[in-house]
Amino acid sequence: MTLQIRDIIKVKINEVFAYGVIGNYDGYRIYVDLRELSWESPILQKSIPSIGDEIKAVVTNISGRHD
């Protein structure tokens, strides 16, 4: 399936950083900024997914980079 803007997908998290998380969906590498996960400031620890968690995400941008 080719990703399209506004698709809702389930992303399995495999990396967690201070600023965001990276996961996989159907062979795509997906980045989610932590500011997109919570309205709280600072972001509460309970709002940050852990490695292995699955989260729902809305596709808002598709990069042409191959890294």
Protein backbone atom coordinates (compact mmCIF):
# COMPACT_ATOMS: atom_id res chain seq x y z
CA MET A 1 0.00 0.00 0.00
CA THR A 2 1.34 3.44 -0.89
CA LEU A 3 1.00 5.95 1.92
CA GLN A 4 -1.13 9.01 1.27
CA ILE A 5 -1.53 12.25 3.23
CA ARG A 6 -4.31 11.86 5.85
CA ASP A 7 -3.97 8.05 6.05
CA ILE A 8 -4.38 6.74 9.60
CA ILE A 9 -1.81 4.06 10.32
CA LYS A 10 -0.56 1.93 13.22
CA VAL A 11 3.13 2.48 13.87
CA LYS A 12 5.22 0.00 15.88
CA ILE A 13 7.80 2.00 17.86
CA ASN A 14 11.44 0.86 17.67
CA GLU A 15 13.39 3.98 18.74
CA VAL A 16 12.61 6.59 21.42
CA PHE A 17 14.40 9.95 21.65
CA ALA A 18 13.98 13.09 23.79
CA TYR A 19 12.24 14.84 20.87
CA GLY A 20 10.28 12.07 19.12
CA VAL A 21 9.84 8.42 18.28
CA ILE A 22 10.62 6.37 15.19
CA GLY A 23 8.71 3.30 14.20
CA ASN A 24 7.82 1.11 11.28
CA TYR A 25 4.72 0.70 9.18
CA ASP A 26 4.61 -1.67 6.21
CA GLY A 27 8.30 -1.16 5.42
CA TYR A 28 8.18 2.62 5.91
CA ARG A 29 10.21 4.36 8.61
CA ILE A 30 7.85 6.74 10.46
CA TYR A 31 8.85 9.70 12.67
CA VAL A 32 6.42 11.17 15.22
CA ASP A 33 7.38 14.32 17.12
CA LEU A 34 6.55 14.10 20.83
CA ARG A 35 4.66 17.41 20.60
CA GLU A 36 2.15 15.55 18.41
CA LEU A 37 1.45 13.02 21.16
CA SER A 38 0.34 15.32 23.99
CA TRP A 39 -1.03 18.80 24.70
CA GLU A 40 0.80 18.80 28.04
CA SER A 41 3.90 20.94 28.53
CA PRO A 42 6.23 19.50 29.57
CA ILE A 43 5.14 16.23 27.99
CA LEU A 44 4.31 13.69 30.68
CA GLN A 45 6.32 10.45 30.69
CA LYS A 46 3.09 8.43 30.47
CA SER A 47 2.38 10.05 27.06
CA ILE A 48 5.66 8.84 25.55
CA PRO A 49 5.41 5.40 23.93
CA SER A 50 7.99 2.71 24.67
CA ILE A 51 9.85 0.45 22.26
CA GLY A 52 7.45 -2.22 21.03
CA ASP A 53 4.31 -0.11 21.58
CA GLU A 54 1.91 0.50 18.70
CA ILE A 55 0.42 3.96 18.22
CA LYS A 56 -2.02 5.39 15.71
CA ALA A 57 -0.69 8.20 13.55
CA VAL A 58 -2.06 10.41 10.79
CA VAL A 59 0.25 10.88 7.81
CA THR A 60 0.87 14.63 7.39
CA ASN A 61 4.03 14.60 5.28
CA ILE A 62 5.85 12.12 3.05
CA SER A 63 9.60 12.56 2.65
CA GLY A 64 11.47 11.63 -0.49
CA ARG A 65 14.66 10.97 1.48
CA HIS A 66 16.05 7.45 1.43
CA ASP A 67 17.78 7.31 4.81
